């Protein structure tokens, strides 16, 4: 059974009066953690409720690692402006 807090937070998130398991199953764990009034303790409760309805949270895909990209260059400039010495990796990558 879904806790009242979790049910209310999810209903507010989806802007619906009644919640369907399929709606919640469209979210990833990261998505759930971004919803107001939900946190790490709510995840097991939500996952158990979804399991009761033969559903599960969507799997998050890991963020791609961009090497020598624009964002990495911005980080390097930022660190260099604060006195850090930036050196290229000696092993050729990750």
Protein backbone atom coordinates (compact mmCIF):
# COMPACT_ATOMS: atom_id res chain seq x y z
CA UNK A 1 0.00 0.00 0.00
CA UNK A 2 1.28 3.43 -0.93
CA UNK A 3 1.79 5.89 1.93
CA UNK A 4 -0.44 8.95 2.03
CA UNK A 5 2.58 11.26 1.66
CA UNK A 6 3.86 9.38 -1.40
CA UNK A 7 0.40 9.18 -2.96
CA UNK A 8 -0.22 12.91 -2.45
CA UNK A 9 3.21 13.88 -3.78
CA UNK A 10 2.77 11.71 -6.87
CA UNK A 11 -0.79 12.94 -7.49
CA UNK A 12 0.46 16.53 -7.26
CA UNK A 13 3.34 15.73 -9.60
CA UNK A 14 1.03 14.24 -12.24
CA UNK A 15 -1.75 16.74 -11.45
CA UNK A 16 -4.36 13.99 -11.15
CA UNK A 17 -6.87 13.11 -8.41
CA UNK A 18 -6.25 9.35 -8.71
CA UNK A 19 -2.95 7.69 -9.40
CA UNK A 20 -2.35 4.81 -11.80
CA UNK A 21 0.66 2.49 -11.38
CA UNK A 22 1.46 2.92 -15.08
CA UNK A 23 1.91 6.65 -14.55
CA UNK A 24 4.42 6.09 -11.77
CA UNK A 25 6.17 3.33 -13.75
CA UNK A 26 6.99 5.94 -16.40
CA UNK A 27 9.37 7.57 -13.89
CA UNK A 28 12.94 6.60 -13.06
CA UNK A 29 14.38 6.50 -9.55
CA UNK A 30 16.05 9.86 -10.25
CA UNK A 31 12.73 11.33 -11.38
CA UNK A 32 11.05 10.19 -8.16
CA UNK A 33 13.80 11.75 -6.04
CA UNK A 34 13.22 15.10 -7.80
CA UNK A 35 9.53 15.20 -6.80
CA UNK A 36 8.73 17.51 -3.89
CA UNK A 37 8.15 15.72 -0.57
CA UNK A 38 9.67 12.43 -1.76
CA UNK A 39 13.10 11.16 -0.84
CA UNK A 40 15.21 8.02 -0.52
CA UNK A 41 12.91 6.55 2.13
CA UNK A 42 9.94 6.81 -0.25
CA UNK A 43 11.60 4.77 -3.02
CA UNK A 44 11.16 1.31 -1.40
CA UNK A 45 7.51 2.11 -0.59
CA UNK A 46 6.82 3.20 -4.16
CA UNK A 47 8.70 0.23 -5.64
CA UNK A 48 6.76 -2.19 -3.41
CA UNK A 49 3.46 -0.60 -4.46
CA UNK A 50 4.44 -0.88 -8.12
CA UNK A 51 5.44 -4.53 -7.63
CA UNK A 52 1.96 -5.23 -6.20
CA UNK A 53 0.63 -4.00 -9.55
CA UNK A 54 3.23 -5.89 -11.64
CA UNK A 55 5.06 -2.68 -12.55
CA UNK A 56 8.48 -1.20 -11.83
CA UNK A 57 10.25 2.12 -12.14
CA UNK A 58 11.94 2.90 -15.44
CA UNK A 59 15.69 2.33 -15.42
CA UNK A 60 17.85 5.44 -15.62
CA UNK A 61 20.44 5.56 -18.32
CA UNK A 62 23.84 6.76 -17.14
CA UNK A 63 24.92 10.18 -18.29
CA UNK A 64 27.31 9.98 -21.21
CA UNK A 65 30.93 10.85 -20.54
CA UNK A 66 32.11 13.56 -22.88
CA UNK A 67 35.86 13.88 -23.16
CA UNK A 68 37.43 17.02 -24.58
CA UNK A 69 33.95 18.46 -24.98
CA UNK A 70 32.79 21.99 -24.39
CA UNK A 71 31.68 21.32 -20.82
CA UNK A 72 35.00 19.69 -19.93
CA UNK A 73 36.85 22.72 -21.31
CA UNK A 74 34.66 25.05 -19.23
CA UNK A 75 35.47 23.04 -16.09
CA UNK A 76 39.18 23.16 -16.92
CA UNK A 77 39.08 26.95 -17.36
CA UNK A 78 37.14 27.35 -14.13
CA UNK A 79 39.62 25.25 -12.15
CA UNK A 80 42.60 26.97 -13.77
CA UNK A 81 41.16 30.38 -12.83
CA UNK A 82 41.21 29.25 -9.20
CA UNK A 83 44.81 28.12 -9.19
CA UNK A 84 44.49 24.45 -10.10
CA UNK A 85 47.03 23.04 -12.52
CA UNK A 86 45.30 21.08 -15.26
CA UNK A 87 47.33 18.30 -16.89
CA UNK A 88 46.14 15.86 -19.56
CA UNK A 89 45.78 12.21 -18.51
CA UNK A 90 48.89 10.11 -19.03
CA UNK A 91 47.03 6.83 -19.52
CA UNK A 92 45.17 7.97 -22.63
CA UNK A 93 41.74 8.27 -21.08
CA UNK A 94 39.55 6.74 -18.44
